[in-house]
Amino acid sequence: MKDTQNDIFTAFIVALFQQTESLPLEVQSEFNKIDETSPVTDILRLTKLHSPLLVAYKNNRIWLTKHSKQRNQKIGYSDTAKQNATNTEIDKAASDIGALTNLLNFIDRIDPEVKQRGLRSVLENMLQSRDSVQASRDTIIKFYNLKSKV
């Protein structure tokens, strides 16, 4: 069950990151009502409030489901591939939010921080922000920068 919840949270965080503009105020207001005691079904409900978010979330969940075995076993994802992630890729991700092409690399860079703090904790900060889309971008770019300095 935890893996499923983690995939839901991960897909949701990435879907927020992929949005090209802030959420409508009424949607952001609903985001701000979610707290650490809210069930995972509330996250699923939030995706349905804004169609671009729902599309991105569904695409990410399909991708995560399809690649979960590869991600968990690190099959076909060598240390060399991890090291090839450059600041240029980070800058591209930051400047072209809608075109996140290397989700596996992206998730791999987030995992250490998420394991330390927990996905729910990371997500809660985004949900309680005045602009969840910008908060997701700031958080994810911070994860990239922390990982690239290691």
N, C-alpha and C. Protein backbone atom coordinates (compact mmCIF):
# COMPACT_ATOMS: atom_id res chain seq x y z
N MET A 1 0.82 -1.20 0.00
CA MET A 1 0.00 0.00 0.00
C MET A 1 0.86 1.26 0.00
N LYS A 2 1.96 1.25 0.79
CA LYS A 2 2.81 2.43 0.86
C LYS A 2 3.40 2.77 -0.51
N ASP A 3 3.82 1.75 -1.28
CA ASP A 3 4.35 2.02 -2.61
C ASP A 3 3.31 2.70 -3.48
N THR A 4 2.07 2.25 -3.39
CA THR A 4 1.00 2.85 -4.17
C THR A 4 0.80 4.30 -3.75
N GLN A 5 0.78 4.57 -2.44
CA GLN A 5 0.64 5.94 -1.97
C GLN A 5 1.83 6.79 -2.42
N ASN A 6 3.02 6.24 -2.33
CA ASN A 6 4.19 6.99 -2.77
C ASN A 6 4.10 7.30 -4.26
N ASP A 7 3.64 6.35 -5.05
CA ASP A 7 3.47 6.61 -6.49
C ASP A 7 2.41 7.68 -6.74
N ILE A 8 1.34 7.65 -5.97
CA ILE A 8 0.29 8.67 -6.10
C ILE A 8 0.87 10.04 -5.77
N PHE A 9 1.57 10.14 -4.64
CA PHE A 9 2.16 11.41 -4.24
C PHE A 9 3.21 11.88 -5.26
N THR A 10 4.05 10.96 -5.71
CA THR A 10 5.09 11.32 -6.68
C THR A 10 4.47 11.81 -7.98
N ALA A 11 3.50 11.08 -8.50
CA ALA A 11 2.83 11.48 -9.74
C ALA A 11 2.15 12.85 -9.57
N PHE A 12 1.60 13.08 -8.41
CA PHE A 12 0.92 14.35 -8.13
C PHE A 12 1.93 15.50 -8.08
N ILE A 13 3.04 15.30 -7.37
CA ILE A 13 4.06 16.33 -7.26
C ILE A 13 4.62 16.68 -8.63
N VAL A 14 4.90 15.66 -9.43
CA VAL A 14 5.43 15.90 -10.77
C VAL A 14 4.37 16.59 -11.64
N ALA A 15 3.12 16.20 -11.49
CA ALA A 15 2.05 16.85 -12.27
C ALA A 15 1.95 18.34 -11.91
N LEU A 16 2.10 18.66 -10.63
CA LEU A 16 2.11 20.08 -10.24
C LEU A 16 3.27 20.80 -10.91
N PHE A 17 4.44 20.17 -10.86
CA PHE A 17 5.64 20.74 -11.45
C PHE A 17 5.46 20.99 -12.94
N GLN A 18 4.72 20.14 -13.61
CA GLN A 18 4.54 20.23 -15.05
C GLN A 18 3.52 21.28 -15.48
N GLN A 19 2.80 21.86 -14.56
CA GLN A 19 1.82 22.88 -14.93
C GLN A 19 2.52 24.12 -15.45
N THR A 20 1.95 24.74 -16.45
CA THR A 20 2.59 25.90 -17.08
C THR A 20 2.15 27.23 -16.46
N GLU A 21 1.14 27.18 -15.59
CA GLU A 21 0.70 28.39 -14.91
C GLU A 21 0.12 28.02 -13.56
N SER A 22 -0.05 29.01 -12.72
CA SER A 22 -0.61 28.79 -11.39
C SER A 22 -2.02 28.21 -11.50
N LEU A 23 -2.42 27.52 -10.46
CA LEU A 23 -3.76 26.96 -10.42
C LEU A 23 -4.79 28.07 -10.26
N PRO A 24 -6.01 27.85 -10.77
CA PRO A 24 -7.08 28.83 -10.52
C PRO A 24 -7.30 28.99 -9.01
N LEU A 25 -7.71 30.16 -8.58
CA LEU A 25 -7.85 30.45 -7.15
C LEU A 25 -8.75 29.46 -6.42
N GLU A 26 -9.86 29.09 -7.05
CA GLU A 26 -10.78 28.15 -6.38
C GLU A 26 -10.14 26.78 -6.20
N VAL A 27 -9.29 26.37 -7.13
CA VAL A 27 -8.58 25.10 -7.01
C VAL A 27 -7.51 25.20 -5.94
N GLN A 28 -6.76 26.31 -5.96
CA GLN A 28 -5.72 26.52 -4.94
C GLN A 28 -6.33 26.53 -3.55
N SER A 29 -7.50 27.10 -3.44
CA SER A 29 -8.21 27.13 -2.16
C SER A 29 -8.49 25.72 -1.64
N GLU A 30 -8.89 24.84 -2.54
CA GLU A 30 -9.12 23.44 -2.17
C GLU A 30 -7.82 22.75 -1.76
N PHE A 31 -6.74 23.07 -2.45
CA PHE A 31 -5.43 22.52 -2.10
C PHE A 31 -5.08 22.90 -0.66
N ASN A 32 -5.32 24.15 -0.30
CA ASN A 32 -4.96 24.65 1.03
C ASN A 32 -5.75 24.00 2.16
N LYS A 33 -6.83 23.32 1.84
CA LYS A 33 -7.64 22.64 2.86
C LYS A 33 -7.06 21.27 3.24
N ILE A 34 -6.14 20.76 2.45
CA ILE A 34 -5.56 19.44 2.68
C ILE A 34 -4.46 19.56 3.73
N ASP A 35 -4.46 18.62 4.69
CA ASP A 35 -3.38 18.60 5.68
C ASP A 35 -2.86 17.18 5.84
N GLU A 36 -1.96 16.99 6.80
CA GLU A 36 -1.30 15.69 6.95
C GLU A 36 -2.25 14.57 7.36
N THR A 37 -3.42 14.92 7.87
CA THR A 37 -4.37 13.88 8.26
C THR A 37 -5.34 13.51 7.12
N SER A 38 -5.27 14.24 6.03
CA SER A 38 -6.16 13.97 4.90
C SER A 38 -5.81 12.64 4.25
N PRO A 39 -6.83 11.89 3.86
CA PRO A 39 -6.55 10.61 3.19
C PRO A 39 -6.03 10.82 1.77
N VAL A 40 -5.37 9.80 1.25
CA VAL A 40 -4.80 9.88 -0.10
C VAL A 40 -5.90 10.13 -1.14
N THR A 41 -7.11 9.73 -0.83
CA THR A 41 -8.21 9.97 -1.78
C THR A 41 -8.45 11.47 -2.00
N ASP A 42 -8.08 12.31 -1.02
CA ASP A 42 -8.21 13.75 -1.21
C ASP A 42 -7.25 14.25 -2.28
N ILE A 43 -6.07 13.64 -2.36
CA ILE A 43 -5.11 13.99 -3.40
C ILE A 43 -5.71 13.65 -4.76
N LEU A 44 -6.30 12.47 -4.86
CA LEU A 44 -6.93 12.06 -6.11
C LEU A 44 -8.06 13.01 -6.49
N ARG A 45 -8.82 13.45 -5.50
CA ARG A 45 -9.92 14.40 -5.74
C ARG A 45 -9.38 15.72 -6.29
N LEU A 46 -8.25 16.17 -5.75
CA LEU A 46 -7.67 17.44 -6.20
C LEU A 46 -7.30 17.41 -7.68
N THR A 47 -6.84 16.26 -8.15
CA THR A 47 -6.44 16.18 -9.57
C THR A 47 -7.63 16.43 -10.49
N LYS A 48 -8.81 16.10 -10.03
CA LYS A 48 -10.01 16.23 -10.86
C LYS A 48 -10.55 17.66 -10.92
N LEU A 49 -9.99 18.55 -10.11
CA LEU A 49 -10.47 19.93 -10.07
C LEU A 49 -9.91 20.80 -11.18
N HIS A 50 -8.86 20.34 -11.84
CA HIS A 50 -8.20 21.14 -12.87
C HIS A 50 -7.74 20.19 -13.97
N SER A 51 -8.37 20.26 -15.14
CA SER A 51 -8.12 19.25 -16.18
C SER A 51 -6.66 19.12 -16.61
N PRO A 52 -5.87 20.20 -16.74
CA PRO A 52 -4.46 19.99 -17.09
C PRO A 52 -3.69 19.20 -16.02
N LEU A 53 -4.05 19.42 -14.77
CA LEU A 53 -3.43 18.67 -13.67
C LEU A 53 -3.82 17.20 -13.75
N LEU A 54 -5.08 16.93 -14.03
CA LEU A 54 -5.55 15.55 -14.14
C LEU A 54 -4.84 14.81 -15.27
N VAL A 55 -4.70 15.44 -16.41
CA VAL A 55 -4.02 14.80 -17.55
C VAL A 55 -2.57 14.49 -17.20
N ALA A 56 -1.87 15.46 -16.61
CA ALA A 56 -0.47 15.24 -16.23
C ALA A 56 -0.36 14.14 -15.18
N TYR A 57 -1.26 14.17 -14.19
CA TYR A 57 -1.24 13.16 -13.13
C TYR A 57 -1.45 11.75 -13.72
N LYS A 58 -2.45 11.60 -14.56
CA LYS A 58 -2.73 10.29 -15.16
C LYS A 58 -1.54 9.78 -15.97
N ASN A 59 -0.95 10.65 -16.77
CA ASN A 59 0.23 10.25 -17.56
C ASN A 59 1.37 9.82 -16.66
N ASN A 60 1.59 10.54 -15.58
CA ASN A 60 2.67 10.19 -14.65
C ASN A 60 2.40 8.87 -13.93
N ARG A 61 1.15 8.65 -13.53
CA ARG A 61 0.79 7.38 -12.85
C ARG A 61 0.98 6.20 -13.80
N ILE A 62 0.56 6.35 -15.04
CA ILE A 62 0.74 5.27 -16.03
C ILE A 62 2.23 4.99 -16.19
N TRP A 63 3.01 6.04 -16.32
CA TRP A 63 4.45 5.87 -16.49
C TRP A 63 5.06 5.19 -15.26
N LEU A 64 4.68 5.66 -14.06
CA LEU A 64 5.23 5.07 -12.83
C LEU A 64 4.85 3.60 -12.69
N THR A 65 3.63 3.28 -13.01
CA THR A 65 3.19 1.89 -12.93
C THR A 65 3.97 1.02 -13.90
N LYS A 66 4.12 1.52 -15.11
CA LYS A 66 4.83 0.77 -16.15
C LYS A 66 6.30 0.56 -15.79
N HIS A 67 6.90 1.54 -15.17
CA HIS A 67 8.34 1.50 -14.90
C HIS A 67 8.70 1.23 -13.44
N SER A 68 7.73 0.89 -12.61
CA SER A 68 8.03 0.70 -11.20
C SER A 68 9.01 -0.44 -10.95
N LYS A 69 8.87 -1.52 -11.68
CA LYS A 69 9.80 -2.63 -11.50
C LYS A 69 11.22 -2.20 -11.88
N GLN A 70 11.34 -1.50 -12.99
CA GLN A 70 12.65 -1.00 -13.42
C GLN A 70 13.22 -0.03 -12.39
N ARG A 71 12.38 0.85 -11.89
CA ARG A 71 12.82 1.85 -10.92
C ARG A 71 13.27 1.18 -9.63
N ASN A 72 12.53 0.22 -9.16
CA ASN A 72 12.86 -0.44 -7.90
C ASN A 72 14.11 -1.29 -8.01
N GLN A 73 14.34 -1.90 -9.15
CA GLN A 73 15.49 -2.79 -9.32
C GLN A 73 16.65 -2.09 -10.00
N LYS A 74 16.42 -0.86 -10.45
CA LYS A 74 17.44 -0.10 -11.16
C LYS A 74 17.95 -0.83 -12.40
N ILE A 75 17.08 -1.58 -13.04
CA ILE A 75 17.43 -2.29 -14.26
C ILE A 75 17.58 -1.27 -15.39
N GLY A 76 18.70 -1.35 -16.08
CA GLY A 76 18.90 -0.48 -17.23
C GLY A 76 19.18 0.96 -16.88
N TYR A 77 19.42 1.25 -15.61
CA TYR A 77 19.68 2.62 -15.19
C TYR A 77 20.98 2.63 -14.41
N SER A 78 22.05 2.81 -15.11
CA SER A 78 23.38 2.69 -14.53
C SER A 78 23.79 3.95 -13.79
N ASP A 79 24.87 3.83 -13.00
CA ASP A 79 25.42 4.99 -12.32
C ASP A 79 25.90 6.03 -13.33
N THR A 80 26.37 5.57 -14.47
CA THR A 80 26.82 6.49 -15.52
C THR A 80 25.67 7.35 -15.99
N ALA A 81 24.50 6.74 -16.17
CA ALA A 81 23.33 7.50 -16.60
C ALA A 81 22.96 8.55 -15.55
N LYS A 82 23.08 8.19 -14.26
CA LYS A 82 22.79 9.15 -13.20
C LYS A 82 23.76 10.32 -13.26
N GLN A 83 25.03 10.03 -13.50
CA GLN A 83 26.05 11.07 -13.51
C GLN A 83 25.92 11.98 -14.73
N ASN A 84 25.25 11.51 -15.77
CA ASN A 84 25.11 12.30 -16.99
C ASN A 84 24.08 13.41 -16.89
N ALA A 85 23.36 13.46 -15.78
CA ALA A 85 22.40 14.54 -15.59
C ALA A 85 23.18 15.81 -15.31
N THR A 86 23.07 16.77 -16.19
CA THR A 86 23.86 17.99 -16.06
C THR A 86 23.00 19.16 -15.63
N ASN A 87 23.65 20.23 -15.26
CA ASN A 87 22.91 21.44 -14.92
C ASN A 87 22.14 21.97 -16.11
N THR A 88 22.60 21.68 -17.32
CA THR A 88 21.86 22.08 -18.51
C THR A 88 20.49 21.42 -18.52
N GLU A 89 20.44 20.12 -18.17
CA GLU A 89 19.15 19.43 -18.10
C GLU A 89 18.27 20.05 -17.02
N ILE A 90 18.87 20.42 -15.90
CA ILE A 90 18.12 21.05 -14.82
C ILE A 90 17.56 22.39 -15.30
N ASP A 91 18.41 23.18 -15.95
CA ASP A 91 17.95 24.46 -16.47
C ASP A 91 16.84 24.28 -17.48
N LYS A 92 16.97 23.26 -18.34
CA LYS A 92 15.93 22.98 -19.33
C LYS A 92 14.63 22.62 -18.63
N ALA A 93 14.72 21.78 -17.59
CA ALA A 93 13.52 21.40 -16.84
C ALA A 93 12.90 22.62 -16.20
N ALA A 94 13.73 23.51 -15.68
CA ALA A 94 13.22 24.70 -15.02
C ALA A 94 12.58 25.67 -16.02
N SER A 95 13.13 25.72 -17.24
CA SER A 95 12.61 26.68 -18.21
C SER A 95 11.50 26.09 -19.08
N ASP A 96 11.43 24.79 -19.17
CA ASP A 96 10.42 24.14 -20.00
C ASP A 96 9.67 23.13 -19.14
N ILE A 97 8.92 23.63 -18.19
CA ILE A 97 8.28 22.81 -17.17
C ILE A 97 7.37 21.74 -17.78
N GLY A 98 6.68 22.05 -18.85
CA GLY A 98 5.73 21.11 -19.42
C GLY A 98 6.36 19.91 -20.10
N ALA A 99 7.64 19.96 -20.39
CA ALA A 99 8.29 18.88 -21.14
C ALA A 99 9.29 18.16 -20.27
N LEU A 100 8.81 17.41 -19.32
CA LEU A 100 9.69 16.62 -18.45
C LEU A 100 9.85 15.26 -19.10
N THR A 101 11.00 15.04 -19.71
CA THR A 101 11.16 13.83 -20.52
C THR A 101 11.84 12.69 -19.77
N ASN A 102 12.61 12.99 -18.76
CA ASN A 102 13.33 11.93 -18.07
C ASN A 102 12.79 11.76 -16.65
N LEU A 103 11.60 11.23 -16.54
CA LEU A 103 10.93 11.08 -15.26
C LEU A 103 11.71 10.17 -14.33
N LEU A 104 12.34 9.14 -14.84
CA LEU A 104 13.11 8.23 -13.99
C LEU A 104 14.26 8.95 -13.32
N ASN A 105 15.01 9.73 -14.06
CA ASN A 105 16.11 10.51 -13.49
C ASN A 105 15.58 11.51 -12.48
N PHE A 106 14.50 12.15 -12.83
CA PHE A 106 13.86 13.14 -11.98
C PHE A 106 13.47 12.52 -10.63
N ILE A 107 12.80 11.39 -10.66
CA ILE A 107 12.36 10.72 -9.44
C ILE A 107 13.56 10.23 -8.64
N ASP A 108 14.56 9.71 -9.32
CA ASP A 108 15.76 9.24 -8.65
C ASP A 108 16.43 10.37 -7.86
N ARG A 109 16.40 11.57 -8.39
CA ARG A 109 17.01 12.71 -7.70
C ARG A 109 16.17 13.15 -6.50
N ILE A 110 14.87 12.96 -6.54
CA ILE A 110 13.99 13.36 -5.45
C ILE A 110 14.01 12.34 -4.31
N ASP A 111 14.17 11.06 -4.65
CA ASP A 111 14.04 9.98 -3.67
C ASP A 111 14.80 10.16 -2.36
N PRO A 112 16.09 10.54 -2.35
CA PRO A 112 16.79 10.65 -1.06
C PRO A 112 16.13 11.64 -0.10
N GLU A 113 15.73 12.79 -0.62
CA GLU A 113 15.08 13.79 0.23
C GLU A 113 13.72 13.30 0.70
N VAL A 114 13.00 12.67 -0.20
CA VAL A 114 11.68 12.16 0.13
C VAL A 114 11.77 11.07 1.20
N LYS A 115 12.76 10.19 1.06
CA LYS A 115 12.93 9.13 2.06
C LYS A 115 13.25 9.71 3.43
N GLN A 116 13.98 10.81 3.44
CA GLN A 116 14.33 11.45 4.71
C GLN A 116 13.11 12.13 5.33
N ARG A 117 12.38 12.89 4.55
CA ARG A 117 11.26 13.68 5.07
C ARG A 117 9.91 13.00 4.91
N GLY A 118 9.78 12.14 3.90
CA GLY A 118 8.50 11.53 3.58
C GLY A 118 7.77 12.31 2.52
N LEU A 119 7.14 11.59 1.59
CA LEU A 119 6.42 12.25 0.50
C LEU A 119 5.30 13.13 1.01
N ARG A 120 4.59 12.66 2.01
CA ARG A 120 3.47 13.44 2.52
C ARG A 120 3.96 14.79 3.04
N SER A 121 5.10 14.80 3.72
CA SER A 121 5.67 16.04 4.24
C SER A 121 6.05 16.98 3.10
N VAL A 122 6.68 16.45 2.08
CA VAL A 122 7.06 17.26 0.92
C VAL A 122 5.81 17.82 0.25
N LEU A 123 4.83 16.98 0.07
CA LEU A 123 3.60 17.39 -0.59
C LEU A 123 2.83 18.42 0.23
N GLU A 124 2.80 18.25 1.55
CA GLU A 124 2.04 19.16 2.40
C GLU A 124 2.53 20.61 2.25
N ASN A 125 3.85 20.78 2.16
CA ASN A 125 4.38 22.13 1.97
C ASN A 125 3.87 22.75 0.67
N MET A 126 3.75 21.95 -0.36
CA MET A 126 3.25 22.45 -1.64
C MET A 126 1.77 22.80 -1.56
N LEU A 127 1.01 21.95 -0.89
CA LEU A 127 -0.43 22.17 -0.80
C LEU A 127 -0.78 23.39 0.03
N GLN A 128 0.01 23.68 1.04
CA GLN A 128 -0.29 24.80 1.94
C GLN A 128 0.24 26.14 1.42
N SER A 129 0.96 26.10 0.33
CA SER A 129 1.52 27.32 -0.26
C SER A 129 0.41 28.16 -0.89
N ARG A 130 0.71 29.44 -1.10
CA ARG A 130 -0.23 30.30 -1.82
C ARG A 130 -0.26 29.95 -3.30
N ASP A 131 0.83 29.37 -3.80
CA ASP A 131 0.93 28.96 -5.21
C ASP A 131 1.58 27.58 -5.24
N SER A 132 0.77 26.54 -5.28
CA SER A 132 1.27 25.16 -5.23
C SER A 132 2.15 24.82 -6.41
N VAL A 133 1.85 25.37 -7.57
CA VAL A 133 2.67 25.09 -8.75
C VAL A 133 4.08 25.65 -8.54
N GLN A 134 4.18 26.90 -8.12
CA GLN A 134 5.50 27.49 -7.88
C GLN A 134 6.22 26.79 -6.74
N ALA A 135 5.49 26.40 -5.71
CA ALA A 135 6.11 25.68 -4.58
C ALA A 135 6.66 24.34 -5.04
N SER A 136 5.97 23.66 -5.94
CA SER A 136 6.47 22.38 -6.46
C SER A 136 7.75 22.61 -7.27
N ARG A 137 7.75 23.65 -8.06
CA ARG A 137 8.95 23.97 -8.86
C ARG A 137 10.14 24.28 -7.96
N ASP A 138 9.91 25.14 -6.97
CA ASP A 138 10.99 25.51 -6.05
C ASP A 138 11.54 24.29 -5.32
N THR A 139 10.65 23.43 -4.86
CA THR A 139 11.05 22.24 -4.12
C THR A 139 11.84 21.29 -5.00
N ILE A 140 11.35 21.05 -6.18
CA ILE A 140 12.00 20.09 -7.08
C ILE A 140 13.34 20.61 -7.57
N ILE A 141 13.41 21.88 -7.91
CA ILE A 141 14.69 22.45 -8.34
C ILE A 141 15.69 22.39 -7.18
N LYS A 142 15.22 22.62 -5.96
CA LYS A 142 16.09 22.50 -4.79
C LYS A 142 16.62 21.07 -4.67
N PHE A 143 15.76 20.07 -4.89
CA PHE A 143 16.20 18.68 -4.84
C PHE A 143 17.27 18.43 -5.90
N TYR A 144 17.07 18.96 -7.09
CA TYR A 144 18.05 18.80 -8.16
C TYR A 144 19.39 19.40 -7.74
N ASN A 145 19.34 20.60 -7.22
CA ASN A 145 20.57 21.29 -6.83
C ASN A 145 21.29 20.58 -5.69
N LEU A 146 20.54 20.07 -4.71
CA LEU A 146 21.16 19.32 -3.62
C LEU A 146 21.84 18.07 -4.14
N LYS A 147 21.17 17.35 -5.00
CA LYS A 147 21.69 16.09 -5.53
C LYS A 147 22.90 16.33 -6.42
N SER A 148 22.88 17.39 -7.22
CA SER A 148 23.99 17.61 -8.15
C SER A 148 25.26 18.06 -7.43
N LYS A 149 25.14 18.54 -6.21
CA LYS A 149 26.32 18.96 -5.44
C LYS A 149 26.96 17.79 -4.70
N VAL A 150 26.25 16.67 -4.62
CA VAL A 150 26.77 15.51 -3.88
C VAL A 150 27.83 14.80 -4.67
